[in-house]
Amino acid sequence: MGAGGAYLMFGASDHKRVLNMLRELAAAMSSLPGESALARARRLRAVLTRSTVPTVTLSVPELGAFEGREAIGKLLELADGQHVRLTIEQSDVRLKGSRAEATLLTTLIVNLPGEERRQSRTLSVELVREKQEFRVVSVAVSAQSREQPEARP
């Protein structure tokens, strides 16, 4: 049996499943061009329900702490009308039995009329295994780093 057959038979490793779920969550937080606010809210709610525990927490230095899927969903809906993209640049996932931790280096891109803003942030994510899948318990976002301007001669 080849590697492809083994993958189909046994599925993805826990490490890959956690990383794929986190990528799906990041994609859900992003807005799609031409997507209505209602469609984005539905898509976001579906992924939050699938990927997080009901009491999930989100801590952002500039905004404070939010608890629960509903509160986080409402916070993310505030970006309505803006083109927002969250990408995972680097990841480190550590499995510890029924728990997992992930450190993600992310880039948040917000397109405003005539301007694009980028922020690099580190996310510390705690997950717990429920049945066969891992779900996010908490996300802590690092403070915004002050990037130094490029040196000019």
Protein backbone atom coordinates (compact mmCIF):
# COMPACT_ATOMS: atom_id res chain seq x y z
CA MET A 1 0.00 0.00 0.00
CA GLY A 2 1.40 3.41 -0.97
CA ALA A 3 1.45 6.57 1.08
CA GLY A 4 -1.81 7.75 -0.52
CA GLY A 5 -3.55 4.50 0.42
CA ALA A 6 -2.30 4.77 4.01
CA TYR A 7 -3.58 8.36 4.20
CA LEU A 8 -7.02 7.31 2.93
CA MET A 9 -7.13 4.39 5.33
CA PHE A 10 -5.94 6.16 8.48
CA GLY A 11 -6.74 9.81 7.71
CA ALA A 12 -4.69 12.85 8.54
CA SER A 13 -2.51 12.95 11.62
CA ASP A 14 -3.78 14.93 14.60
CA HIS A 15 -1.13 17.55 13.88
CA LYS A 16 -2.38 18.04 10.32
CA ARG A 17 -6.02 18.01 11.42
CA VAL A 18 -5.37 20.76 13.98
CA LEU A 19 -3.47 22.87 11.45
CA ASN A 20 -6.12 22.37 8.74
CA MET A 21 -8.88 23.34 11.18
CA LEU A 22 -6.96 26.48 12.21
CA ARG A 23 -6.47 27.39 8.54
CA GLU A 24 -10.19 26.91 7.92
CA LEU A 25 -10.96 29.15 10.90
CA ALA A 26 -8.58 31.85 9.61
CA ALA A 27 -10.20 31.63 6.17
CA ALA A 28 -13.66 31.96 7.73
CA MET A 29 -12.59 35.16 9.49
CA SER A 30 -11.57 36.57 6.14
CA SER A 31 -14.15 38.30 3.98
CA LEU A 32 -14.69 37.22 0.40
CA PRO A 33 -15.00 39.78 -2.40
CA GLY A 34 -18.66 40.36 -3.24
CA GLU A 35 -19.90 38.33 -0.27
CA SER A 36 -22.96 39.71 1.49
CA ALA A 37 -22.87 40.42 5.21
CA LEU A 38 -25.52 37.75 5.79
CA ALA A 39 -23.61 35.08 3.83
CA ARG A 40 -20.37 35.92 5.69
CA ALA A 41 -22.14 35.76 9.07
CA ARG A 42 -23.62 32.33 8.22
CA ARG A 43 -20.27 31.01 7.00
CA LEU A 44 -18.50 32.35 10.07
CA ARG A 45 -21.08 30.91 12.47
CA ALA A 46 -20.86 27.47 10.84
CA VAL A 47 -17.07 27.34 11.17
CA LEU A 48 -17.12 28.70 14.74
CA THR A 49 -19.66 26.01 15.70
CA ARG A 50 -17.58 23.28 14.13
CA SER A 51 -14.15 24.49 15.30
CA THR A 52 -14.64 25.97 18.78
CA VAL A 53 -16.11 25.10 22.16
CA PRO A 54 -19.22 27.14 23.09
CA THR A 55 -17.27 29.11 25.73
CA VAL A 56 -14.30 29.92 23.47
CA THR A 57 -12.40 33.05 24.49
CA LEU A 58 -10.59 35.62 22.38
CA SER A 59 -8.20 38.14 23.91
CA VAL A 60 -6.95 41.07 21.82
CA PRO A 61 -4.85 43.75 23.58
CA GLU A 62 -6.54 46.71 21.85
CA LEU A 63 -10.08 45.34 22.21
CA GLY A 64 -10.15 43.31 25.43
CA ALA A 65 -11.50 39.83 26.04
CA PHE A 66 -14.55 38.20 24.45
CA GLU A 67 -16.22 34.97 25.58
CA GLY A 68 -18.48 32.69 23.60
CA ARG A 69 -19.08 32.02 19.93
CA GLU A 70 -21.85 34.62 19.73
CA ALA A 71 -19.69 37.44 21.13
CA ILE A 72 -16.76 36.56 18.89
CA GLY A 73 -19.04 36.27 15.85
CA LYS A 74 -20.49 39.72 16.53
CA LEU A 75 -17.00 41.19 16.92
CA LEU A 76 -15.91 39.73 13.59
CA GLU A 77 -19.07 41.01 11.90
CA LEU A 78 -17.92 44.57 12.64
CA ALA A 79 -15.58 44.24 9.66
CA ASP A 80 -18.62 44.13 7.39
CA GLY A 81 -17.96 45.93 4.12
CA GLN A 82 -14.19 45.77 4.44
CA HIS A 83 -12.02 43.30 2.59
CA VAL A 84 -10.20 41.45 5.38
CA ARG A 85 -7.80 38.54 4.99
CA LEU A 86 -6.13 36.56 7.78
CA THR A 87 -3.33 34.22 6.75
CA ILE A 88 -1.19 31.84 8.77
CA GLU A 89 2.45 32.38 7.81
CA GLN A 90 4.10 29.98 10.26
CA SER A 91 2.78 27.49 12.78
CA ASP A 92 3.94 25.34 15.65
CA VAL A 93 1.44 22.76 16.90
CA ARG A 94 2.16 20.76 20.06
CA LEU A 95 -0.05 17.80 21.00
CA LYS A 96 -0.43 16.80 24.65
CA GLY A 97 -2.87 13.91 24.88
CA SER A 98 -6.39 15.34 24.72
CA ARG A 99 -5.06 18.91 24.53
CA ALA A 100 -3.08 20.84 21.96
CA GLU A 101 -1.37 24.20 21.77
CA ALA A 102 -0.56 26.15 18.65
CA THR A 103 1.54 29.24 18.11
CA LEU A 104 0.70 30.95 14.84
CA LEU A 105 2.45 33.81 13.12
CA THR A 106 -0.32 35.51 11.17
CA THR A 107 -0.77 38.44 8.84
CA LEU A 108 -3.96 40.45 8.93
CA ILE A 109 -4.60 42.47 5.77
CA VAL A 110 -7.36 45.06 5.66
CA ASN A 111 -8.09 46.78 2.35
CA LEU A 112 -9.59 50.21 2.76
CA PRO A 113 -10.38 52.58 -0.11
CA GLY A 114 -6.99 53.58 -1.52
CA GLU A 115 -5.05 51.87 1.27
CA GLU A 116 -3.93 48.44 2.43
CA ARG A 117 -3.01 47.87 6.06
CA ARG A 118 -0.97 44.87 7.20
CA GLN A 119 -0.32 43.66 10.71
CA SER A 120 1.75 40.71 11.81
CA ARG A 121 0.52 39.12 15.01
CA THR A 122 1.32 36.00 16.98
CA LEU A 123 -1.67 33.95 18.13
CA SER A 124 -1.47 31.50 21.02
CA VAL A 125 -4.23 28.94 20.63
CA GLU A 126 -5.34 26.31 23.14
CA LEU A 127 -7.39 23.36 21.91
CA VAL A 128 -9.11 20.36 23.47
CA ARG A 129 -10.08 17.06 21.87
CA GLU A 130 -13.83 16.42 21.80
CA LYS A 131 -14.60 12.97 20.46
CA GLN A 132 -12.24 12.65 17.48
CA GLU A 133 -11.73 16.34 16.70
CA PHE A 134 -9.85 19.18 18.34
CA ARG A 135 -11.74 22.41 19.11
CA VAL A 136 -10.40 25.82 20.00
CA VAL A 137 -10.79 26.78 23.67
CA SER A 138 -8.94 30.09 23.65
CA VAL A 139 -7.04 32.46 21.38
CA ALA A 140 -4.68 35.11 22.74
CA VAL A 141 -3.48 37.68 20.22
CA SER A 142 -0.13 39.37 20.79
CA ALA A 143 0.21 43.12 20.96
CA GLN A 144 0.81 44.84 17.65
CA SER A 145 4.51 44.97 16.93
CA ARG A 146 6.00 48.25 15.96
CA GLU A 147 7.74 47.59 12.68
CA GLN A 148 10.83 49.63 12.02
CA PRO A 149 10.86 51.58 8.77
CA GLU A 150 13.19 50.26 6.11
CA ALA A 151 16.68 51.74 6.43
CA ARG A 152 17.57 54.18 3.64
CA PRO A 153 21.11 55.25 2.71
